[in-house]
Amino acid sequence: MPVPLDAIRAIHNGFRNDMAAMDKAANSAAHKSGNLDLVLKRYNLFNEVLVWHAVGEEKFVFPAVEKVALLVSQPYERDHRGLDSLFERLDKAISSNDLIEVARTTAAFKFHLDIHLAKEDAHLYRIFDEKVPLPEQGATIGNMAREVPQQRYGEFVTWLMTFTNLNDRENMTRIWQQMLPAPAFAGMGGLIKAAVGDDWAKLTERVPELKSAAKSDSR
């Protein structure tokens, strides 16, 4: 069964995969072998999810870690502000239709984000995993999830299921199944099915309950 930290791992992988695709598209556009359509379609939602996640960390994960490892979280909060500034730079570059600057900024964004997430996985969340009791971990990750606006949660589910692999999808589906009332979980069935596409059969082999959730959601 998945543990609370599997949710963090899945979200981090979603960020990596989405950012890599945007950076590749921006680079192609700068070399006149593509366009910015993919970046234009995705960069705002990507940043919104990134902000929801970062705010959740600052409000809930960082204080939990500070109780057991003083001052550890400060560099990670500075990283978050750096990511904020990179989004502002990217938004300006896109608004001015400067293909070279867009590509330069997505490359910088990806570089900074990859290092930040790798540090969190190897250091911050290792401390969290080893020093924070499991029940508190679950409560902390649950509080983080509430930073996603309720009316936007469907978009978040679609984004996460789109940009993660089968293992992450299974873990997240089982976490939602554990955390949510049956009607709320059923409401995710159709969203998950649409997002995972051809992987639906593989996912429902691992989580058979998802089939009935999708049927209930389609009524």
N, C-alpha and C. Protein backbone atom coordinates (compact mmCIF):
# COMPACT_ATOMS: atom_id res chain seq x y z
N MET A 1 0.84 -1.21 0.00
CA MET A 1 0.00 0.00 0.00
C MET A 1 0.87 1.25 0.00
N PRO A 2 0.41 2.29 -0.66
CA PRO A 2 1.20 3.52 -0.71
C PRO A 2 1.25 4.21 0.65
N VAL A 3 2.28 5.00 0.84
CA VAL A 3 2.45 5.81 2.05
C VAL A 3 2.26 7.28 1.66
N PRO A 4 2.06 8.17 2.63
CA PRO A 4 1.80 9.58 2.29
C PRO A 4 2.85 10.19 1.37
N LEU A 5 4.12 9.85 1.58
CA LEU A 5 5.16 10.46 0.75
C LEU A 5 5.07 10.06 -0.72
N ASP A 6 4.37 8.98 -1.03
CA ASP A 6 4.20 8.62 -2.44
C ASP A 6 3.45 9.71 -3.20
N ALA A 7 2.59 10.45 -2.52
CA ALA A 7 1.90 11.56 -3.17
C ALA A 7 2.89 12.64 -3.57
N ILE A 8 3.83 12.95 -2.70
CA ILE A 8 4.86 13.96 -3.02
C ILE A 8 5.72 13.49 -4.18
N ARG A 9 6.11 12.23 -4.15
CA ARG A 9 6.95 11.69 -5.23
C ARG A 9 6.23 11.78 -6.57
N ALA A 10 4.95 11.46 -6.58
CA ALA A 10 4.19 11.53 -7.83
C ALA A 10 4.09 12.96 -8.34
N ILE A 11 3.79 13.90 -7.45
CA ILE A 11 3.67 15.30 -7.87
C ILE A 11 5.00 15.82 -8.37
N HIS A 12 6.08 15.49 -7.71
CA HIS A 12 7.40 15.91 -8.18
C HIS A 12 7.68 15.36 -9.57
N ASN A 13 7.33 14.12 -9.81
CA ASN A 13 7.55 13.54 -11.13
C ASN A 13 6.67 14.23 -12.17
N GLY A 14 5.45 14.61 -11.79
CA GLY A 14 4.60 15.36 -12.69
C GLY A 14 5.23 16.68 -13.10
N PHE A 15 5.80 17.39 -12.14
CA PHE A 15 6.49 18.65 -12.45
C PHE A 15 7.64 18.41 -13.42
N ARG A 16 8.44 17.40 -13.15
CA ARG A 16 9.59 17.11 -14.01
C ARG A 16 9.15 16.84 -15.45
N ASN A 17 8.15 16.01 -15.60
CA ASN A 17 7.73 15.61 -16.94
C ASN A 17 7.07 16.75 -17.70
N ASP A 18 6.24 17.52 -17.03
CA ASP A 18 5.58 18.64 -17.70
C ASP A 18 6.61 19.71 -18.09
N MET A 19 7.52 20.03 -17.18
CA MET A 19 8.52 21.05 -17.48
C MET A 19 9.44 20.61 -18.60
N ALA A 20 9.81 19.34 -18.62
CA ALA A 20 10.68 18.83 -19.69
C ALA A 20 10.01 18.96 -21.06
N ALA A 21 8.73 18.67 -21.12
CA ALA A 21 8.01 18.78 -22.38
C ALA A 21 7.91 20.23 -22.83
N MET A 22 7.65 21.15 -21.90
CA MET A 22 7.57 22.56 -22.26
C MET A 22 8.93 23.09 -22.72
N ASP A 23 9.98 22.68 -22.04
CA ASP A 23 11.32 23.13 -22.43
C ASP A 23 11.67 22.61 -23.83
N LYS A 24 11.34 21.37 -24.11
CA LYS A 24 11.61 20.80 -25.44
C LYS A 24 10.84 21.55 -26.52
N ALA A 25 9.58 21.87 -26.24
CA ALA A 25 8.77 22.60 -27.21
C ALA A 25 9.31 24.01 -27.44
N ALA A 26 9.73 24.68 -26.35
CA ALA A 26 10.27 26.04 -26.47
C ALA A 26 11.57 26.03 -27.27
N ASN A 27 12.41 25.03 -27.05
CA ASN A 27 13.66 24.92 -27.79
C ASN A 27 13.40 24.70 -29.28
N SER A 28 12.41 23.85 -29.59
CA SER A 28 12.07 23.62 -31.00
C SER A 28 11.56 24.90 -31.65
N ALA A 29 10.73 25.65 -30.94
CA ALA A 29 10.20 26.90 -31.50
C ALA A 29 11.32 27.89 -31.77
N ALA A 30 12.29 27.96 -30.85
CA ALA A 30 13.41 28.89 -31.02
C ALA A 30 14.26 28.52 -32.23
N HIS A 31 14.28 27.24 -32.59
CA HIS A 31 15.04 26.77 -33.74
C HIS A 31 14.18 26.66 -35.00
N LYS A 32 12.98 27.25 -34.96
CA LYS A 32 12.08 27.31 -36.10
C LYS A 32 11.61 25.94 -36.58
N SER A 33 11.61 24.95 -35.67
CA SER A 33 11.15 23.62 -36.05
C SER A 33 9.89 23.23 -35.27
N GLY A 34 9.21 24.24 -34.74
CA GLY A 34 7.99 23.99 -33.98
C GLY A 34 7.39 25.32 -33.57
N ASN A 35 6.40 25.27 -32.69
CA ASN A 35 5.76 26.50 -32.21
C ASN A 35 5.57 26.42 -30.71
N LEU A 36 5.03 27.51 -30.16
CA LEU A 36 4.87 27.60 -28.71
C LEU A 36 3.50 27.13 -28.22
N ASP A 37 2.74 26.47 -29.09
CA ASP A 37 1.38 26.11 -28.70
C ASP A 37 1.34 25.30 -27.41
N LEU A 38 2.21 24.32 -27.28
CA LEU A 38 2.21 23.48 -26.08
C LEU A 38 2.53 24.31 -24.84
N VAL A 39 3.52 25.19 -24.95
CA VAL A 39 3.89 26.03 -23.81
C VAL A 39 2.75 26.97 -23.44
N LEU A 40 2.15 27.59 -24.44
CA LEU A 40 1.05 28.51 -24.19
C LEU A 40 -0.13 27.81 -23.52
N LYS A 41 -0.36 26.57 -23.90
CA LYS A 41 -1.49 25.82 -23.36
C LYS A 41 -1.27 25.42 -21.91
N ARG A 42 0.01 25.21 -21.53
CA ARG A 42 0.26 24.55 -20.25
C ARG A 42 0.94 25.38 -19.18
N TYR A 43 1.65 26.44 -19.52
CA TYR A 43 2.53 27.02 -18.52
C TYR A 43 1.80 27.66 -17.35
N ASN A 44 0.61 28.20 -17.59
CA ASN A 44 -0.12 28.82 -16.48
C ASN A 44 -0.61 27.79 -15.48
N LEU A 45 -1.22 26.70 -15.94
CA LEU A 45 -1.69 25.67 -15.03
C LEU A 45 -0.51 25.02 -14.32
N PHE A 46 0.57 24.77 -15.06
CA PHE A 46 1.77 24.22 -14.44
C PHE A 46 2.20 25.07 -13.25
N ASN A 47 2.26 26.38 -13.44
CA ASN A 47 2.71 27.25 -12.35
C ASN A 47 1.70 27.31 -11.22
N GLU A 48 0.41 27.26 -11.54
CA GLU A 48 -0.59 27.25 -10.48
C GLU A 48 -0.42 26.02 -9.58
N VAL A 49 -0.23 24.85 -10.21
CA VAL A 49 -0.02 23.64 -9.42
C VAL A 49 1.26 23.75 -8.60
N LEU A 50 2.31 24.32 -9.21
CA LEU A 50 3.57 24.51 -8.51
C LEU A 50 3.39 25.42 -7.29
N VAL A 51 2.61 26.47 -7.43
CA VAL A 51 2.36 27.39 -6.32
C VAL A 51 1.53 26.71 -5.23
N TRP A 52 0.48 25.98 -5.61
CA TRP A 52 -0.31 25.26 -4.60
C TRP A 52 0.59 24.32 -3.80
N HIS A 53 1.46 23.64 -4.50
CA HIS A 53 2.37 22.69 -3.84
C HIS A 53 3.35 23.41 -2.92
N ALA A 54 3.94 24.48 -3.43
CA ALA A 54 4.94 25.21 -2.65
C ALA A 54 4.31 25.85 -1.41
N VAL A 55 3.12 26.41 -1.55
CA VAL A 55 2.43 27.01 -0.39
C VAL A 55 2.13 25.92 0.63
N GLY A 56 1.70 24.76 0.18
CA GLY A 56 1.44 23.65 1.09
C GLY A 56 2.68 23.23 1.84
N GLU A 57 3.81 23.20 1.15
CA GLU A 57 5.07 22.86 1.81
C GLU A 57 5.41 23.91 2.87
N GLU A 58 5.29 25.17 2.50
CA GLU A 58 5.69 26.23 3.42
C GLU A 58 4.77 26.29 4.65
N LYS A 59 3.50 25.99 4.47
CA LYS A 59 2.56 26.05 5.59
C LYS A 59 2.58 24.80 6.47
N PHE A 60 2.90 23.65 5.88
CA PHE A 60 2.73 22.41 6.62
C PHE A 60 3.99 21.53 6.71
N VAL A 61 4.68 21.33 5.60
CA VAL A 61 5.87 20.46 5.64
C VAL A 61 7.03 21.13 6.36
N PHE A 62 7.30 22.37 6.00
CA PHE A 62 8.44 23.05 6.60
C PHE A 62 8.32 23.15 8.13
N PRO A 63 7.17 23.56 8.68
CA PRO A 63 7.05 23.58 10.15
C PRO A 63 7.24 22.20 10.77
N ALA A 64 6.75 21.15 10.12
CA ALA A 64 6.92 19.80 10.66
C ALA A 64 8.39 19.42 10.70
N VAL A 65 9.13 19.79 9.66
CA VAL A 65 10.56 19.49 9.61
C VAL A 65 11.34 20.34 10.61
N GLU A 66 10.94 21.61 10.75
CA GLU A 66 11.64 22.50 11.67
C GLU A 66 11.61 22.00 13.11
N LYS A 67 10.57 21.26 13.46
CA LYS A 67 10.48 20.71 14.81
C LYS A 67 11.59 19.71 15.09
N VAL A 68 12.08 19.04 14.05
CA VAL A 68 13.07 17.98 14.24
C VAL A 68 14.43 18.33 13.64
N ALA A 69 14.49 19.38 12.81
CA ALA A 69 15.75 19.77 12.17
C ALA A 69 15.71 21.27 11.91
N LEU A 70 16.13 22.04 12.88
CA LEU A 70 16.02 23.50 12.83
C LEU A 70 16.78 24.09 11.65
N LEU A 71 16.14 25.05 10.96
CA LEU A 71 16.70 25.84 9.87
C LEU A 71 16.88 25.08 8.56
N VAL A 72 16.50 23.82 8.53
CA VAL A 72 16.67 23.04 7.30
C VAL A 72 15.83 23.60 6.16
N SER A 73 14.65 24.11 6.45
CA SER A 73 13.72 24.48 5.38
C SER A 73 14.04 25.83 4.73
N GLN A 74 14.86 26.65 5.34
CA GLN A 74 15.09 28.00 4.81
C GLN A 74 15.60 28.02 3.37
N PRO A 75 16.59 27.21 2.99
CA PRO A 75 17.05 27.24 1.59
C PRO A 75 15.97 26.82 0.60
N TYR A 76 15.08 25.94 1.03
CA TYR A 76 14.03 25.48 0.14
C TYR A 76 13.00 26.58 -0.11
N GLU A 77 12.74 27.38 0.91
CA GLU A 77 11.84 28.51 0.71
C GLU A 77 12.45 29.53 -0.25
N ARG A 78 13.76 29.72 -0.18
CA ARG A 78 14.42 30.61 -1.13
C ARG A 78 14.33 30.06 -2.55
N ASP A 79 14.45 28.74 -2.68
CA ASP A 79 14.26 28.13 -4.00
C ASP A 79 12.87 28.45 -4.55
N HIS A 80 11.87 28.41 -3.70
CA HIS A 80 10.51 28.71 -4.15
C HIS A 80 10.41 30.13 -4.70
N ARG A 81 11.07 31.06 -4.04
CA ARG A 81 11.02 32.44 -4.54
C ARG A 81 11.74 32.54 -5.89
N GLY A 82 12.79 31.77 -6.05
CA GLY A 82 13.48 31.73 -7.35
C GLY A 82 12.58 31.20 -8.45
N LEU A 83 11.81 30.17 -8.14
CA LEU A 83 10.87 29.62 -9.12
C LEU A 83 9.78 30.65 -9.45
N ASP A 84 9.34 31.39 -8.44
CA ASP A 84 8.36 32.46 -8.69
C ASP A 84 8.91 33.47 -9.70
N SER A 85 10.16 33.86 -9.53
CA SER A 85 10.75 34.87 -10.42
C SER A 85 10.92 34.31 -11.83
N LEU A 86 11.20 33.02 -11.94
CA LEU A 86 11.33 32.42 -13.27
C LEU A 86 9.99 32.37 -13.99
N PHE A 87 8.91 32.12 -13.27
CA PHE A 87 7.60 32.16 -13.92
C PHE A 87 7.32 33.57 -14.43
N GLU A 88 7.60 34.59 -13.63
CA GLU A 88 7.36 35.96 -14.06
C GLU A 88 8.18 36.28 -15.33
N ARG A 89 9.42 35.81 -15.35
CA ARG A 89 10.26 36.03 -16.53
C ARG A 89 9.69 35.30 -17.75
N LEU A 90 9.21 34.06 -17.55
CA LEU A 90 8.64 33.30 -18.65
C LEU A 90 7.37 33.96 -19.17
N ASP A 91 6.53 34.44 -18.27
CA ASP A 91 5.30 35.09 -18.66
C ASP A 91 5.58 36.33 -19.50
N LYS A 92 6.58 37.10 -19.12
CA LYS A 92 6.95 38.29 -19.90
C LYS A 92 7.48 37.91 -21.27
N ALA A 93 8.31 36.87 -21.33
CA ALA A 93 8.88 36.44 -22.60
C ALA A 93 7.79 35.96 -23.55
N ILE A 94 6.81 35.23 -23.02
CA ILE A 94 5.71 34.75 -23.84
C ILE A 94 4.85 35.93 -24.31
N SER A 95 4.61 36.88 -23.43
CA SER A 95 3.80 38.04 -23.80
C SER A 95 4.44 38.85 -24.91
N SER A 96 5.76 38.89 -24.94
CA SER A 96 6.48 39.64 -25.97
C SER A 96 6.78 38.79 -27.20
N ASN A 97 6.39 37.50 -27.16
CA ASN A 97 6.61 36.57 -28.27
C ASN A 97 8.09 36.48 -28.65
N ASP A 98 8.95 36.54 -27.64
CA ASP A 98 10.39 36.44 -27.85
C ASP A 98 10.79 34.97 -27.72
N LEU A 99 10.90 34.27 -28.86
CA LEU A 99 11.12 32.83 -28.84
C LEU A 99 12.45 32.45 -28.20
N ILE A 100 13.47 33.26 -28.42
CA ILE A 100 14.78 32.96 -27.83
C ILE A 100 14.71 33.10 -26.31
N GLU A 101 14.09 34.17 -25.84
CA GLU A 101 13.99 34.38 -24.40
C GLU A 101 13.09 33.32 -23.75
N VAL A 102 12.04 32.91 -24.44
CA VAL A 102 11.20 31.83 -23.90
C VAL A 102 12.03 30.57 -23.72
N ALA A 103 12.82 30.21 -24.73
CA ALA A 103 13.63 29.00 -24.65
C ALA A 103 14.70 29.12 -23.56
N ARG A 104 15.31 30.29 -23.45
CA ARG A 104 16.32 30.50 -22.41
C ARG A 104 15.68 30.35 -21.02
N THR A 105 14.46 30.88 -20.88
CA THR A 105 13.81 30.86 -19.57
C THR A 105 13.32 29.46 -19.22
N THR A 106 12.74 28.73 -20.18
CA THR A 106 12.31 27.36 -19.86
C THR A 106 13.51 26.49 -19.51
N ALA A 107 14.65 26.72 -20.17
CA ALA A 107 15.86 25.96 -19.83
C ALA A 107 16.30 26.27 -18.40
N ALA A 108 16.29 27.56 -18.04
CA ALA A 108 16.67 27.94 -16.67
C ALA A 108 15.65 27.40 -15.66
N PHE A 109 14.38 27.49 -16.01
CA PHE A 109 13.31 27.00 -15.15
C PHE A 109 13.50 25.50 -14.88
N LYS A 110 13.73 24.74 -15.95
CA LYS A 110 13.90 23.29 -15.81
C LYS A 110 15.13 22.97 -14.96
N PHE A 111 16.22 23.66 -15.21
CA PHE A 111 17.46 23.42 -14.47
C PHE A 111 17.25 23.67 -12.97
N HIS A 112 16.66 24.81 -12.66
CA HIS A 112 16.44 25.17 -11.26
C HIS A 112 15.45 24.22 -10.60
N LEU A 113 14.37 23.90 -11.31
CA LEU A 113 13.34 23.03 -10.75
C LEU A 113 13.89 21.63 -10.51
N ASP A 114 14.65 21.09 -11.47
CA ASP A 114 15.20 19.74 -11.31
C ASP A 114 16.11 19.65 -10.10
N ILE A 115 16.96 20.64 -9.92
CA ILE A 115 17.86 20.63 -8.77
C ILE A 115 17.06 20.76 -7.47
N HIS A 116 16.10 21.65 -7.46
CA HIS A 116 15.27 21.85 -6.26
C HIS A 116 14.54 20.57 -5.86
N LEU A 117 13.89 19.93 -6.81
CA LEU A 117 13.14 18.72 -6.51
C LEU A 117 14.07 17.58 -6.07
N ALA A 118 15.23 17.48 -6.71
CA ALA A 118 16.19 16.44 -6.32
C ALA A 118 16.68 16.66 -4.89
N LYS A 119 16.93 17.92 -4.53
CA LYS A 119 17.34 18.22 -3.15
C LYS A 119 16.24 17.88 -2.16
N GLU A 120 15.02 18.24 -2.50
CA GLU A 120 13.91 17.92 -1.60
C GLU A 120 13.78 16.42 -1.41
N ASP A 121 13.84 15.68 -2.50
CA ASP A 121 13.70 14.22 -2.40
C ASP A 121 14.82 13.59 -1.57
N ALA A 122 16.05 14.07 -1.78
CA ALA A 122 17.20 13.44 -1.14
C ALA A 122 17.43 13.92 0.29
N HIS A 123 16.93 15.12 0.61
CA HIS A 123 17.28 15.73 1.90
C HIS A 123 16.04 16.07 2.72
N LEU A 124 15.26 17.04 2.26
CA LEU A 124 14.12 17.52 3.04
C LEU A 124 13.15 16.39 3.37
N TYR A 125 12.73 15.67 2.33
CA TYR A 125 11.73 14.64 2.58
C TYR A 125 12.32 13.37 3.19
N ARG A 126 13.62 13.21 3.11
CA ARG A 126 14.24 12.12 3.85
C ARG A 126 14.17 12.39 5.35
N ILE A 127 14.45 13.64 5.73
CA ILE A 127 14.30 14.02 7.15
C ILE A 127 12.85 13.86 7.57
N PHE A 128 11.94 14.35 6.75
CA PHE A 128 10.51 14.25 7.02
C PHE A 128 10.11 12.78 7.23
N ASP A 129 10.60 11.91 6.37
CA ASP A 129 10.25 10.49 6.44
C ASP A 129 10.83 9.82 7.68
N GLU A 130 12.08 10.17 8.01
CA GLU A 130 12.77 9.48 9.11
C GLU A 130 12.45 10.05 10.49
N LYS A 131 12.10 11.32 10.55
CA LYS A 131 11.95 11.98 11.85
C LYS A 131 10.51 12.32 12.24
N VAL A 132 9.62 12.41 11.26
CA VAL A 132 8.24 12.78 11.55
C VAL A 132 7.41 11.49 11.61
N PRO A 133 6.65 11.27 12.69
CA PRO A 133 5.84 10.05 12.80
C PRO A 133 4.86 9.90 11.64
N LEU A 134 4.61 8.66 11.25
CA LEU A 134 3.77 8.39 10.08
C LEU A 134 2.39 9.03 10.17
N PRO A 135 1.69 8.97 11.31
CA PRO A 135 0.38 9.63 11.37
C PRO A 135 0.47 11.14 11.10
N GLU A 136 1.54 11.78 11.60
CA GLU A 136 1.72 13.21 11.34
C GLU A 136 2.05 13.46 9.88
N GLN A 137 2.80 12.54 9.27
CA GLN A 137 3.07 12.67 7.84
C GLN A 137 1.76 12.69 7.05
N GLY A 138 0.87 11.74 7.38
CA GLY A 138 -0.41 11.68 6.68
C GLY A 138 -1.23 12.94 6.86
N ALA A 139 -1.27 13.47 8.08
CA ALA A 139 -2.02 14.69 8.34
C ALA A 139 -1.41 15.87 7.58
N THR A 140 -0.09 15.92 7.53
CA THR A 140 0.60 17.02 6.84
C THR A 140 0.31 16.99 5.34
N ILE A 141 0.43 15.82 4.72
CA ILE A 141 0.17 15.71 3.28
C ILE A 141 -1.31 15.99 2.99
N GLY A 142 -2.19 15.56 3.90
CA GLY A 142 -3.61 15.87 3.74
C GLY A 142 -3.89 17.35 3.77
N ASN A 143 -3.21 18.07 4.67
CA ASN A 143 -3.36 19.52 4.72
C ASN A 143 -2.83 20.19 3.46
N MET A 144 -1.73 19.67 2.94
CA MET A 144 -1.19 20.20 1.67
C MET A 144 -2.21 20.07 0.56
N ALA A 145 -2.87 18.92 0.49
CA ALA A 145 -3.85 18.68 -0.57
C ALA A 145 -4.96 19.72 -0.56
N ARG A 146 -5.29 20.23 0.61
CA ARG A 146 -6.37 21.21 0.73
C ARG A 146 -5.98 22.58 0.19
N GLU A 147 -4.72 22.78 -0.14
CA GLU A 147 -4.29 24.03 -0.76
C GLU A 147 -4.74 24.12 -2.21
N VAL A 148 -5.09 22.99 -2.79
CA VAL A 148 -5.67 23.02 -4.15
C VAL A 148 -7.12 23.49 -4.01
N PRO A 149 -7.51 24.58 -4.66
CA PRO A 149 -8.89 25.05 -4.53
C PRO A 149 -9.87 23.94 -4.94
N GLN A 150 -10.92 23.77 -4.16
CA GLN A 150 -11.86 22.67 -4.40
C GLN A 150 -12.41 22.69 -5.82
N GLN A 151 -12.71 23.89 -6.33
CA GLN A 151 -13.29 24.00 -7.66
C GLN A 151 -12.28 23.71 -8.77
N ARG A 152 -11.00 23.62 -8.40
CA ARG A 152 -9.95 23.33 -9.39
C ARG A 152 -9.39 21.91 -9.24
N TYR A 153 -9.92 21.14 -8.32
CA TYR A 153 -9.31 19.85 -8.03
C TYR A 153 -9.38 18.90 -9.24
N GLY A 154 -10.43 19.02 -10.02
CA GLY A 154 -10.51 18.19 -11.23
C GLY A 154 -9.37 18.47 -12.18
N GLU A 155 -9.00 19.74 -12.34
CA GLU A 155 -7.87 20.09 -13.20
C GLU A 155 -6.57 19.51 -12.66
N PHE A 156 -6.44 19.56 -11.33
CA PHE A 156 -5.24 19.00 -10.71
C PHE A 156 -5.15 17.49 -10.95
N VAL A 157 -6.26 16.78 -10.78
CA VAL A 157 -6.27 15.34 -11.00
C VAL A 157 -5.89 15.03 -12.45
N THR A 158 -6.47 15.75 -13.39
CA THR A 158 -6.16 15.52 -14.80
C THR A 158 -4.69 15.79 -15.09
N TRP A 159 -4.17 16.90 -14.55
CA TRP A 159 -2.76 17.23 -14.76
C TRP A 159 -1.87 16.12 -14.22
N LEU A 160 -2.12 15.68 -12.99
CA LEU A 160 -1.24 14.70 -12.35
C LEU A 160 -1.31 13.36 -13.07
N MET A 161 -2.49 12.92 -13.46
CA MET A 161 -2.62 11.65 -14.16
C MET A 161 -2.00 11.71 -15.56
N THR A 162 -1.96 12.89 -16.16
CA THR A 162 -1.38 13.04 -17.50
C THR A 162 0.14 12.92 -17.47
N PHE A 163 0.77 13.45 -16.42
CA PHE A 163 2.22 13.60 -16.43
C PHE A 163 2.97 12.65 -15.50
N THR A 164 2.32 11.55 -15.12
CA THR A 164 3.00 10.56 -14.29
C THR A 164 2.92 9.18 -14.94
N ASN A 165 3.76 8.26 -14.44
CA ASN A 165 3.77 6.92 -14.99
C ASN A 165 2.78 6.02 -14.26
N LEU A 166 2.73 4.75 -14.65
CA LEU A 166 1.72 3.85 -14.12
C LEU A 166 1.86 3.64 -12.61
N ASN A 167 3.09 3.54 -12.12
CA ASN A 167 3.29 3.35 -10.68
C ASN A 167 2.78 4.54 -9.87
N ASP A 168 3.12 5.75 -10.33
CA ASP A 168 2.65 6.95 -9.63
C ASP A 168 1.12 7.06 -9.70
N ARG A 169 0.55 6.71 -10.86
CA ARG A 169 -0.90 6.77 -11.01
C ARG A 169 -1.59 5.81 -10.05
N GLU A 170 -1.04 4.60 -9.94
CA GLU A 170 -1.62 3.63 -9.02
C GLU A 170 -1.54 4.14 -7.58
N ASN A 171 -0.38 4.64 -7.19
CA ASN A 171 -0.22 5.13 -5.82
C ASN A 171 -1.18 6.27 -5.52
N MET A 172 -1.29 7.22 -6.45
CA MET A 172 -2.19 8.35 -6.21
C MET A 172 -3.65 7.91 -6.15
N THR A 173 -4.02 6.99 -7.03
CA THR A 173 -5.39 6.50 -7.03
C THR A 173 -5.72 5.83 -5.70
N ARG A 174 -4.80 5.03 -5.19
CA ARG A 174 -5.03 4.35 -3.92
C ARG A 174 -5.04 5.34 -2.75
N ILE A 175 -4.22 6.36 -2.83
CA ILE A 175 -4.23 7.39 -1.78
C ILE A 175 -5.57 8.12 -1.77
N TRP A 176 -6.07 8.50 -2.96
CA TRP A 176 -7.38 9.15 -3.02
C TRP A 176 -8.47 8.21 -2.51
N GLN A 177 -8.35 6.93 -2.85
CA GLN A 177 -9.33 5.96 -2.40
C GLN A 177 -9.36 5.86 -0.88
N GLN A 178 -8.18 5.95 -0.26
CA GLN A 178 -8.09 5.90 1.20
C GLN A 178 -8.62 7.17 1.85
N MET A 179 -8.34 8.31 1.24
CA MET A 179 -8.61 9.60 1.87
C MET A 179 -10.04 10.09 1.67
N LEU A 180 -10.66 9.75 0.54
CA LEU A 180 -11.91 10.39 0.15
C LEU A 180 -13.13 9.53 0.45
N PRO A 181 -14.25 10.16 0.72
CA PRO A 181 -15.51 9.42 0.78
C PRO A 181 -15.80 8.77 -0.57
N ALA A 182 -16.54 7.67 -0.56
CA ALA A 182 -16.81 6.92 -1.79
C ALA A 182 -17.40 7.79 -2.91
N PRO A 183 -18.36 8.69 -2.64
CA PRO A 183 -18.90 9.51 -3.74
C PRO A 183 -17.84 10.43 -4.36
N ALA A 184 -16.95 10.97 -3.54
CA ALA A 184 -15.89 11.85 -4.06
C ALA A 184 -14.91 11.05 -4.91
N PHE A 185 -14.55 9.85 -4.45
CA PHE A 185 -13.66 9.01 -5.24
C PHE A 185 -14.31 8.61 -6.55
N ALA A 186 -15.59 8.29 -6.51
CA ALA A 186 -16.30 7.94 -7.73
C ALA A 186 -16.29 9.10 -8.72
N GLY A 187 -16.34 10.31 -8.20
CA GLY A 187 -16.33 11.48 -9.07
C GLY A 187 -15.03 11.66 -9.83
N MET A 188 -13.98 10.98 -9.40
CA MET A 188 -12.69 11.08 -10.08
C MET A 188 -12.54 10.06 -11.20
N GLY A 189 -13.42 9.05 -11.21
CA GLY A 189 -13.23 7.95 -12.16
C GLY A 189 -13.14 8.39 -13.60
N GLY A 190 -14.09 9.20 -14.04
CA GLY A 190 -14.09 9.66 -15.42
C GLY A 190 -12.89 10.53 -15.75
N LEU A 191 -12.50 11.39 -14.81
CA LEU A 191 -11.34 12.25 -15.03
C LEU A 191 -10.07 11.42 -15.22
N ILE A 192 -9.90 10.43 -14.37
CA ILE A 192 -8.71 9.59 -14.46
C ILE A 192 -8.71 8.81 -15.78
N LYS A 193 -9.85 8.27 -16.13
CA LYS A 193 -9.94 7.49 -17.38
C LYS A 193 -9.58 8.34 -18.59
N ALA A 194 -10.09 9.56 -18.64
CA ALA A 194 -9.79 10.44 -19.77
C ALA A 194 -8.32 10.82 -19.80
N ALA A 195 -7.72 11.03 -18.63
CA ALA A 195 -6.33 11.50 -18.57
C ALA A 195 -5.34 10.41 -18.94
N VAL A 196 -5.58 9.17 -18.52
CA VAL A 196 -4.58 8.12 -18.72
C VAL A 196 -4.68 7.47 -20.09
N GLY A 197 -5.79 7.67 -20.79
CA GLY A 197 -5.91 7.16 -22.15
C GLY A 197 -5.71 5.66 -22.26
N ASP A 198 -4.75 5.26 -23.08
CA ASP A 198 -4.52 3.85 -23.36
C ASP A 198 -4.04 3.07 -22.15
N ASP A 199 -3.62 3.75 -21.10
CA ASP A 199 -3.15 3.06 -19.89
C ASP A 199 -4.29 2.70 -18.93
N TRP A 200 -5.52 3.02 -19.33
CA TRP A 200 -6.66 2.77 -18.45
C TRP A 200 -6.77 1.29 -18.07
N ALA A 201 -6.63 0.40 -19.04
CA ALA A 201 -6.76 -1.04 -18.75
C ALA A 201 -5.69 -1.49 -17.76
N LYS A 202 -4.46 -1.01 -17.95
CA LYS A 202 -3.38 -1.39 -17.03
C LYS A 202 -3.64 -0.85 -15.63
N LEU A 203 -4.16 0.38 -15.55
CA LEU A 203 -4.40 0.97 -14.25
C LEU A 203 -5.54 0.25 -13.52
N THR A 204 -6.58 -0.11 -14.24
CA THR A 204 -7.70 -0.80 -13.59
C THR A 204 -7.36 -2.24 -13.24
N GLU A 205 -6.36 -2.82 -13.89
CA GLU A 205 -5.87 -4.12 -13.45
C GLU A 205 -5.26 -4.01 -12.06
N ARG A 206 -4.60 -2.90 -11.80
CA ARG A 206 -3.95 -2.68 -10.50
C ARG A 206 -4.95 -2.17 -9.46
N VAL A 207 -5.90 -1.37 -9.91
CA VAL A 207 -6.91 -0.81 -8.99
C VAL A 207 -8.29 -1.12 -9.57
N PRO A 208 -8.79 -2.35 -9.38
CA PRO A 208 -10.05 -2.76 -10.00
C PRO A 208 -11.24 -1.88 -9.59
N GLU A 209 -11.19 -1.32 -8.39
CA GLU A 209 -12.29 -0.49 -7.92
C GLU A 209 -12.50 0.74 -8.79
N LEU A 210 -11.48 1.11 -9.56
CA LEU A 210 -11.57 2.29 -10.40
C LEU A 210 -12.59 2.11 -11.53
N LYS A 211 -12.78 0.87 -11.96
CA LYS A 211 -13.77 0.63 -13.02
C LYS A 211 -15.17 1.03 -12.59
N SER A 212 -15.54 0.59 -11.40
CA SER A 212 -16.88 0.94 -10.91
C SER A 212 -16.99 2.42 -10.62
N ALA A 213 -15.89 3.04 -10.20
CA ALA A 213 -15.90 4.49 -9.96
C ALA A 213 -16.16 5.23 -11.26
N ALA A 214 -15.51 4.80 -12.34
CA ALA A 214 -15.70 5.45 -13.63
C ALA A 214 -17.13 5.27 -14.15
N LYS A 215 -17.69 4.06 -13.94
CA LYS A 215 -19.07 3.82 -14.37
C LYS A 215 -20.04 4.71 -13.59
N SER A 216 -19.80 4.83 -12.29
CA SER A 216 -20.67 5.66 -11.46
C SER A 216 -20.57 7.11 -11.87
N ASP A 217 -19.34 7.54 -12.22
CA ASP A 217 -19.12 8.94 -12.60
C ASP A 217 -19.79 9.28 -13.93
N SER A 218 -19.99 8.28 -14.79
CA SER A 218 -20.53 8.54 -16.12
C SER A 218 -22.06 8.59 -16.15
N ARG A 219 -22.71 8.23 -15.03
CA ARG A 219 -24.17 8.23 -15.01
C ARG A 219 -24.75 9.64 -14.92
